[in-house]
C-alpha atoms as a PDB file:
ATOM      1  CA  MET A   1     118.190  79.281 123.245  1.00  0.00           C
ATOM      2  CA  THR A   2     119.734  79.217 119.792  1.00  0.00           C
ATOM      3  CA  LYS A   3     123.056  81.043 119.762  1.00  0.00           C
ATOM      4  CA  LEU A   4     123.822  83.951 117.440  1.00  0.00           C
ATOM      5  CA  SER A   5     127.238  83.970 115.804  1.00  0.00           C
ATOM      6  CA  VAL A   6     127.946  87.210 113.936  1.00  0.00           C
ATOM      7  CA  ASN A   7     129.888  86.809 110.702  1.00  0.00           C
ATOM      8  CA  ILE A   8     132.172  89.846 110.355  1.00  0.00           C
ATOM      9  CA  ASN A   9     133.414  89.199 106.813  1.00  0.00           C
ATOM     10  CA  LYS A  10     131.513  92.197 105.429  1.00  0.00           C
ATOM     11  CA  ILE A  11     133.175  94.471 107.967  1.00  0.00           C
ATOM     12  CA  ALA A  12     136.545  93.321 106.651  1.00  0.00           C
ATOM     13  CA  THR A  13     135.359  93.921 103.074  1.00  0.00           C
ATOM     14  CA  ILE A  14     134.631  97.570 103.913  1.00  0.00           C
ATOM     15  CA  ARG A  15     138.022  97.918 105.596  1.00  0.00           C
ATOM     16  CA  ASN A  16     139.873  96.399 102.665  1.00  0.00           C
ATOM     17  CA  ALA A  17     138.137  98.690 100.153  1.00  0.00           C
ATOM     18  CA  ARG A  18     140.160 101.657 101.390  1.00  0.00           C
ATOM     19  CA  GLY A  19     143.138 100.071 103.088  1.00  0.00           C
ATOM     20  CA  GLY A  20     144.120 101.000 106.608  1.00  0.00           C
ATOM     21  CA  ASN A  21     142.171  99.747 109.589  1.00  0.00           C
ATOM     22  CA  ASN A  22     138.804 101.483 109.409  1.00  0.00           C
ATOM     23  CA  PRO A  23     136.517  99.892 110.448  1.00  0.00           C
ATOM     24  CA  ASP A  24     138.564  97.996 112.987  1.00  0.00           C
ATOM     25  CA  ILE A  25     137.310  94.410 112.882  1.00  0.00           C
ATOM     26  CA  LEU A  26     138.789  93.626 116.302  1.00  0.00           C
ATOM     27  CA  ARG A  27     136.711  96.407 117.840  1.00  0.00           C
ATOM     28  CA  VAL A  28     133.616  95.341 115.912  1.00  0.00           C
ATOM     29  CA  ALA A  29     134.003  91.742 117.095  1.00  0.00           C
ATOM     30  CA  HIS A  30     134.447  92.923 120.681  1.00  0.00           C
ATOM     31  CA  ASP A  31     131.409  95.195 120.422  1.00  0.00           C
ATOM     32  CA  CYS A  32     129.261  92.393 118.971  1.00  0.00           C
ATOM     33  CA  GLU A  33     130.126  90.291 122.004  1.00  0.00           C
ATOM     34  CA  GLN A  34     129.357  93.171 124.355  1.00  0.00           C
ATOM     35  CA  PHE A  35     126.008  93.714 122.629  1.00  0.00           C
ATOM     36  CA  GLY A  36     124.990  90.093 123.190  1.00  0.00           C
ATOM     37  CA  ALA A  37     126.367  87.966 120.348  1.00  0.00           C
ATOM     38  CA  ASP A  38     127.202  84.422 121.426  1.00  0.00           C
ATOM     39  CA  GLY A  39     130.018  83.994 118.943  1.00  0.00           C
ATOM     40  CA  ILE A  40     132.004  85.402 116.052  1.00  0.00           C
ATOM     41  CA  THR A  41     132.299  83.764 112.627  1.00  0.00           C
ATOM     42  CA  VAL A  42     134.925  84.429 109.964  1.00  0.00           C
ATOM     43  CA  HIS A  43     135.493  82.892 106.552  1.00  0.00           C
ATOM     44  CA  PRO A  44     139.078  83.485 105.396  1.00  0.00           C
ATOM     45  CA  ARG A  45     139.394  82.759 101.677  1.00  0.00           C
ATOM     46  CA  PRO A  46     142.670  82.095  99.858  1.00  0.00           C
ATOM     47  CA  ASP A  47     142.708  85.546  98.199  1.00  0.00           C
ATOM     48  CA  GLU A  48     142.043  87.242 101.571  1.00  0.00           C
ATOM     49  CA  ARG A  49     139.544  89.584  99.935  1.00  0.00           C
ATOM     50  CA  HIS A  50     137.845  90.153 103.271  1.00  0.00           C
ATOM     51  CA  ILE A  51     139.077  88.329 106.386  1.00  0.00           C
ATOM     52  CA  ARG A  52     142.825  87.792 106.305  1.00  0.00           C
ATOM     53  CA  TYR A  53     144.679  84.932 107.911  1.00  0.00           C
ATOM     54  CA  GLN A  54     146.351  87.418 110.265  1.00  0.00           C
ATOM     55  CA  ASP A  55     142.918  88.723 111.289  1.00  0.00           C
ATOM     56  CA  VAL A  56     142.077  85.219 112.466  1.00  0.00           C
ATOM     57  CA  ARG A  57     145.227  85.090 114.554  1.00  0.00           C
ATOM     58  CA  ASP A  58     144.567  88.542 116.008  1.00  0.00           C
ATOM     59  CA  LEU A  59     140.942  87.786 116.879  1.00  0.00           C
ATOM     60  CA  LYS A  60     141.521  84.575 118.816  1.00  0.00           C
ATOM     61  CA  PRO A  61     143.044  86.006 122.019  1.00  0.00           C
ATOM     62  CA  LEU A  62     140.503  88.830 122.178  1.00  0.00           C
ATOM     63  CA  LEU A  63     137.289  86.831 121.911  1.00  0.00           C
ATOM     64  CA  THR A  64     135.404  85.729 125.003  1.00  0.00           C
ATOM     65  CA  THR A  65     132.632  83.842 123.165  1.00  0.00           C
ATOM     66  CA  GLU A  66     132.746  81.007 120.636  1.00  0.00           C
ATOM     67  CA  PHE A  67     134.964  81.416 117.590  1.00  0.00           C
ATOM     68  CA  ASN A  68     133.771  79.737 114.390  1.00  0.00           C
ATOM     69  CA  ILE A  69     136.049  79.599 111.350  1.00  0.00           C
ATOM     70  CA  GLU A  70     134.485  78.654 108.008  1.00  0.00           C
ATOM     71  CA  GLY A  71     136.306  77.608 104.897  1.00  0.00           C
ATOM     72  CA  TYR A  72     137.340  75.023 102.361  1.00  0.00           C
ATOM     73  CA  PRO A  73     139.766  72.598 104.037  1.00  0.00           C
ATOM     74  CA  GLN A  74     142.864  73.114 101.939  1.00  0.00           C
ATOM     75  CA  ARG A  75     146.137  72.600 103.777  1.00  0.00           C
ATOM     76  CA  SER A  76     146.747  76.255 104.651  1.00  0.00           C
ATOM     77  CA  PHE A  77     143.224  76.566 106.091  1.00  0.00           C
ATOM     78  CA  ILE A  78     143.560  73.397 108.158  1.00  0.00           C
ATOM     79  CA  ASP A  79     146.877  74.582 109.563  1.00  0.00           C
ATOM     80  CA  LEU A  80     145.435  78.007 110.446  1.00  0.00           C
ATOM     81  CA  VAL A  81     142.459  76.556 112.316  1.00  0.00           C
ATOM     82  CA  LYS A  82     144.694  74.148 114.234  1.00  0.00           C
ATOM     83  CA  GLU A  83     147.086  76.987 115.050  1.00  0.00           C
ATOM     84  CA  VAL A  84     144.431  79.239 116.611  1.00  0.00           C
ATOM     85  CA  ARG A  85     142.343  76.338 117.986  1.00  0.00           C
ATOM     86  CA  SER A  86     138.936  77.847 117.338  1.00  0.00           C
ATOM     87  CA  THR A  87     135.862  76.535 119.130  1.00  0.00           C
ATOM     88  CA  GLN A  88     134.407  75.291 115.862  1.00  0.00           C
ATOM     89  CA  VAL A  89     135.413  74.817 112.255  1.00  0.00           C
ATOM     90  CA  THR A  90     132.730  74.778 109.567  1.00  0.00           C
ATOM     91  CA  LEU A  91     133.764  72.986 106.387  1.00  0.00           C
ATOM     92  CA  VAL A  92     132.339  74.477 103.184  1.00  0.00           C
ATOM     93  CA  PRO A  93     132.878  73.243  99.612  1.00  0.00           C
ATOM     94  CA  ASP A  94     133.702  76.659  98.129  1.00  0.00           C
ATOM     95  CA  SER A  95     136.050  77.023  95.184  1.00  0.00           C
ATOM     96  CA  PRO A  96     138.725  79.736  95.621  1.00  0.00           C
ATOM     97  CA  ASP A  97     137.012  82.225  93.274  1.00  0.00           C
ATOM     98  CA  GLN A  98     133.482  81.792  94.636  1.00  0.00           C
ATOM     99  CA  ILE A  99     131.790  85.048  95.679  1.00  0.00           C
ATOM    100  CA  THR A 100     129.868  83.339  98.469  1.00  0.00           C
ATOM    101  CA  SER A 101     128.809  79.856  99.525  1.00  0.00           C
ATOM    102  CA  ASN A 102     126.027  78.561  97.268  1.00  0.00           C
ATOM    103  CA  HIS A 103     125.733  74.833  97.998  1.00  0.00           C
ATOM    104  CA  GLY A 104     126.516  72.216 100.580  1.00  0.00           C
ATOM    105  CA  TRP A 105     128.866  69.254 100.514  1.00  0.00           C
ATOM    106  CA  ASP A 106     128.107  66.057  98.682  1.00  0.00           C
ATOM    107  CA  THR A 107     129.038  64.016 101.726  1.00  0.00           C
ATOM    108  CA  VAL A 108     128.696  60.746  99.805  1.00  0.00           C
ATOM    109  CA  ARG A 109     131.053  61.611  96.967  1.00  0.00           C
ATOM    110  CA  ASN A 110     133.522  63.355  99.293  1.00  0.00           C
ATOM    111  CA  PHE A 111     133.208  60.827 102.096  1.00  0.00           C
ATOM    112  CA  ASP A 112     136.836  59.661 102.320  1.00  0.00           C
ATOM    113  CA  PHE A 113     138.189  63.205 102.044  1.00  0.00           C
ATOM    114  CA  LEU A 114     135.886  64.501 104.772  1.00  0.00           C
ATOM    115  CA  VAL A 115     136.652  61.574 107.069  1.00  0.00           C
ATOM    116  CA  ASP A 116     140.345  62.466 106.993  1.00  0.00           C
ATOM    117  CA  VAL A 117     139.743  66.198 107.523  1.00  0.00           C
ATOM    118  CA  VAL A 118     137.243  65.738 110.328  1.00  0.00           C
ATOM    119  CA  ASP A 119     139.518  63.261 112.075  1.00  0.00           C
ATOM    120  CA  GLU A 120     142.403  65.738 111.970  1.00  0.00           C
ATOM    121  CA  PHE A 121     140.302  68.469 113.565  1.00  0.00           C
ATOM    122  CA  LYS A 122     138.844  66.128 116.167  1.00  0.00           C
ATOM    123  CA  GLN A 123     142.319  65.049 117.196  1.00  0.00           C
ATOM    124  CA  ALA A 124     143.028  68.751 117.779  1.00  0.00           C
ATOM    125  CA  GLY A 125     139.922  69.052 119.968  1.00  0.00           C
ATOM    126  CA  ILE A 126     138.037  71.318 117.559  1.00  0.00           C
ATOM    127  CA  ARG A 127     134.288  70.883 117.059  1.00  0.00           C
ATOM    128  CA  THR A 128     133.554  70.206 113.412  1.00  0.00           C
ATOM    129  CA  SER A 129     130.469  71.216 111.417  1.00  0.00           C
ATOM    130  CA  ILE A 130     129.792  70.315 107.781  1.00  0.00           C
ATOM    131  CA  PHE A 131     127.845  72.682 105.528  1.00  0.00           C
ATOM    132  CA  VAL A 132     125.077  70.721 103.780  1.00  0.00           C
ATOM    133  CA  ASP A 133     121.945  71.196 101.734  1.00  0.00           C
ATOM    134  CA  PRO A 134     118.662  70.120 103.387  1.00  0.00           C
ATOM    135  CA  ASP A 135     118.952  66.574 102.114  1.00  0.00           C
ATOM    136  CA  ALA A 136     118.534  63.552 104.374  1.00  0.00           C
ATOM    137  CA  THR A 137     121.288  61.534 102.701  1.00  0.00           C
ATOM    138  CA  MET A 138     123.811  64.367 102.934  1.00  0.00           C
ATOM    139  CA  VAL A 139     122.996  64.770 106.634  1.00  0.00           C
ATOM    140  CA  GLU A 140     123.247  61.030 107.312  1.00  0.00           C
ATOM    141  CA  TYR A 141     126.634  60.790 105.658  1.00  0.00           C
ATOM    142  CA  ALA A 142     127.873  63.830 107.572  1.00  0.00           C
ATOM    143  CA  ALA A 143     127.171  61.802 110.693  1.00  0.00           C
ATOM    144  CA  LYS A 144     128.997  58.807 109.236  1.00  0.00           C
ATOM    145  CA  VAL A 145     131.965  61.046 108.431  1.00  0.00           C
ATOM    146  CA  GLY A 146     132.217  61.759 112.146  1.00  0.00           C
ATOM    147  CA  ALA A 147     131.193  65.420 112.222  1.00  0.00           C
ATOM    148  CA  ASP A 148     129.833  66.911 115.428  1.00  0.00           C
ATOM    149  CA  ARG A 149     127.295  69.125 113.664  1.00  0.00           C
ATOM    150  CA  VAL A 150     125.861  70.053 110.302  1.00  0.00           C
ATOM    151  CA  GLU A 151     125.076  73.571 109.157  1.00  0.00           C
ATOM    152  CA  LEU A 152     122.030  73.738 106.919  1.00  0.00           C
ATOM    153  CA  TYR A 153     122.483  75.998 103.884  1.00  0.00           C
ATOM    154  CA  THR A 154     119.419  78.231 104.241  1.00  0.00           C
ATOM    155  CA  GLU A 155     119.531  80.395 101.100  1.00  0.00           C
ATOM    156  CA  PRO A 156     116.786  78.324  99.410  1.00  0.00           C
ATOM    157  CA  TYR A 157     114.590  78.870 102.470  1.00  0.00           C
ATOM    158  CA  ALA A 158     115.228  82.615 102.437  1.00  0.00           C
ATOM    159  CA  SER A 159     114.554  82.871  98.694  1.00  0.00           C
ATOM    160  CA  ALA A 160     111.270  80.972  98.882  1.00  0.00           C
ATOM    161  CA  TYR A 161     110.058  82.491 102.161  1.00  0.00           C
ATOM    162  CA  GLY A 162     108.000  85.263 100.566  1.00  0.00           C
ATOM    163  CA  ASN A 163     106.100  82.828  98.348  1.00  0.00           C
ATOM    164  CA  GLY A 164     104.993  80.566 101.198  1.00  0.00           C
ATOM    165  CA  ARG A 165     106.993  80.102 104.334  1.00  0.00           C
ATOM    166  CA  GLU A 166     105.437  76.745 105.276  1.00  0.00           C
ATOM    167  CA  GLU A 167     106.589  75.162 102.033  1.00  0.00           C
ATOM    168  CA  ALA A 168     109.936  76.958 102.189  1.00  0.00           C
ATOM    169  CA  VAL A 169     110.810  75.599 105.611  1.00  0.00           C
ATOM    170  CA  ARG A 170     109.538  72.031 105.114  1.00  0.00           C
ATOM    171  CA  PRO A 171     112.746  70.441 103.716  1.00  0.00           C
ATOM    172  CA  PHE A 172     114.757  72.119 106.455  1.00  0.00           C
ATOM    173  CA  VAL A 173     112.519  70.725 109.178  1.00  0.00           C
ATOM    174  CA  GLU A 174     112.873  67.269 107.650  1.00  0.00           C
ATOM    175  CA  ALA A 175     116.661  67.553 107.386  1.00  0.00           C
ATOM    176  CA  ALA A 176     116.861  68.877 110.937  1.00  0.00           C
ATOM    177  CA  GLN A 177     114.901  65.892 112.224  1.00  0.00           C
ATOM    178  CA  VAL A 178     117.325  63.547 110.470  1.00  0.00           C
ATOM    179  CA  ALA A 179     120.266  65.356 112.057  1.00  0.00           C
ATOM    180  CA  HIS A 180     118.621  65.064 115.473  1.00  0.00           C
ATOM    181  CA  LYS A 181     118.058  61.324 114.996  1.00  0.00           C
ATOM    182  CA  CYS A 182     121.704  60.905 113.937  1.00  0.00           C
ATOM    183  CA  GLY A 183     122.916  62.618 117.097  1.00  0.00           C
ATOM    184  CA  LEU A 184     124.287  65.634 115.232  1.00  0.00           C
ATOM    185  CA  GLY A 185     124.240  69.174 116.527  1.00  0.00           C
ATOM    186  CA  LEU A 186     122.487  71.604 114.214  1.00  0.00           C
ATOM    187  CA  ASN A 187     123.575  74.983 112.860  1.00  0.00           C
ATOM    188  CA  ALA A 188     121.999  77.095 110.119  1.00  0.00           C
ATOM    189  CA  GLY A 189     123.172  79.946 107.969  1.00  0.00           C
ATOM    190  CA  HIS A 190     123.111  81.949 104.743  1.00  0.00           C
ATOM    191  CA  ASP A 191     120.653  84.723 103.916  1.00  0.00           C
ATOM    192  CA  LEU A 192     118.929  84.529 107.277  1.00  0.00           C
ATOM    193  CA  SER A 193     117.514  87.918 108.263  1.00  0.00           C
ATOM    194  CA  LEU A 194     115.129  89.729 110.577  1.00  0.00           C
ATOM    195  CA  VAL A 195     112.391  88.830 108.091  1.00  0.00           C
ATOM    196  CA  ASN A 196     112.778  85.056 108.099  1.00  0.00           C
ATOM    197  CA  LEU A 197     114.820  84.064 111.155  1.00  0.00           C
ATOM    198  CA  ARG A 198     112.105  83.885 113.813  1.00  0.00           C
ATOM    199  CA  TYR A 199     109.918  81.535 111.790  1.00  0.00           C
ATOM    200  CA  LEU A 200     112.820  79.154 111.121  1.00  0.00           C
ATOM    201  CA  ILE A 201     113.540  78.886 114.838  1.00  0.00           C
ATOM    202  CA  GLU A 202     109.856  78.439 115.668  1.00  0.00           C
ATOM    203  CA  CYS A 203     109.782  75.479 113.267  1.00  0.00           C
ATOM    204  CA  ILE A 204     113.162  74.059 114.347  1.00  0.00           C
ATOM    205  CA  PRO A 205     113.590  75.086 117.999  1.00  0.00           C
ATOM    206  CA  PHE A 206     116.585  72.794 118.552  1.00  0.00           C
ATOM    207  CA  VAL A 207     118.922  74.725 116.224  1.00  0.00           C
ATOM    208  CA  ASP A 208     122.141  75.185 118.202  1.00  0.00           C
ATOM    209  CA  GLU A 209     123.512  78.194 116.334  1.00  0.00           C
ATOM    210  CA  VAL A 210     122.817  80.529 113.454  1.00  0.00           C
ATOM    211  CA  SER A 211     125.629  82.345 111.665  1.00  0.00           C
ATOM    212  CA  ILE A 212     124.555  85.661 110.162  1.00  0.00           C
ATOM    213  CA  GLY A 213     126.665  88.313 108.470  1.00  0.00           C
ATOM    214  CA  HIS A 214     125.467  90.058 105.321  1.00  0.00           C
ATOM    215  CA  ALA A 215     121.916  90.874 106.422  1.00  0.00           C
ATOM    216  CA  LEU A 216     123.029  91.807 109.917  1.00  0.00           C
ATOM    217  CA  VAL A 217     125.639  94.269 108.656  1.00  0.00           C
ATOM    218  CA  CYS A 218     123.117  95.779 106.231  1.00  0.00           C
ATOM    219  CA  ASP A 219     120.587  96.212 109.031  1.00  0.00           C
ATOM    220  CA  ALA A 220     123.239  97.822 111.220  1.00  0.00           C
ATOM    221  CA  LEU A 221     123.636 100.629 108.665  1.00  0.00           C
ATOM    222  CA  TYR A 222     120.115 101.745 109.595  1.00  0.00           C
ATOM    223  CA  LEU A 223     119.596 100.476 113.128  1.00  0.00           C
ATOM    224  CA  GLY A 224     123.096 100.640 114.557  1.00  0.00           C
ATOM    225  CA  LEU A 225     125.106  97.583 115.564  1.00  0.00           C
ATOM    226  CA  LYS A 226     123.883  97.371 119.154  1.00  0.00           C
ATOM    227  CA  GLU A 227     120.190  97.510 118.242  1.00  0.00           C
ATOM    228  CA  THR A 228     120.686  95.123 115.338  1.00  0.00           C
ATOM    229  CA  VAL A 229     122.325  92.445 117.483  1.00  0.00           C
ATOM    230  CA  LYS A 230     119.516  92.883 120.002  1.00  0.00           C
ATOM    231  CA  GLN A 231     116.815  92.406 117.373  1.00  0.00           C
ATOM    232  CA  TYR A 232     118.463  89.264 116.003  1.00  0.00           C
ATOM    233  CA  LYS A 233     118.772  87.887 119.501  1.00  0.00           C
ATOM    234  CA  ASP A 234     115.087  88.653 120.084  1.00  0.00           C
ATOM    235  CA  CYS A 235     114.236  86.510 117.049  1.00  0.00           C
ATOM    236  CA  LEU A 236     115.907  83.559 118.727  1.00  0.00           C
ATOM    237  CA  LYS A 237     113.986  83.706 121.994  1.00  0.00           C
END
């Protein structure tokens, strides 16, 4: 079954809005695991506007499931991931001032750079995933770079879902098939929700992992965290 990794960035955003330690992201991460999540995702940005570098260090010894750290591979990020030795690192092409991820890597143009970064993480024994748009060439070059997985950027799917889900999912199915042929593992994330998640998995049943944060946290405001994690897990069955 596809694994659910809960992105807790939004929890950290709420905490940082008032200072202090409420909500406690360590407790939230622990509770997500207890409620059935298969992993925890964080995306520490240089300005630490949500997850802080120290949060990453504090989370590692407490987690019993997979730990996925997303981010742009600048030197400080690379050193942090190697220090905590997360299960997986997901490389995203975000600029420092970006509000959220909004595109995948151009794995052709950034080929040499990504080869060096991926090699460094692989030498440290860390599974590496590259965030890409649903484009066959980008997926193929992610494989040539040496990545273990790709994560498909699913915001275009989520945006187009209401206007015709068959058409919305088509490029993702095609990109997923290319990844499968290239021997890459497959992740997916961004704007996935209780509305659109089940259909994506029905169309691409070999997705290894979905990373979901914003929609899940919003749903938890109404449903509670335990019930929300359960409903997302149900979508993956």
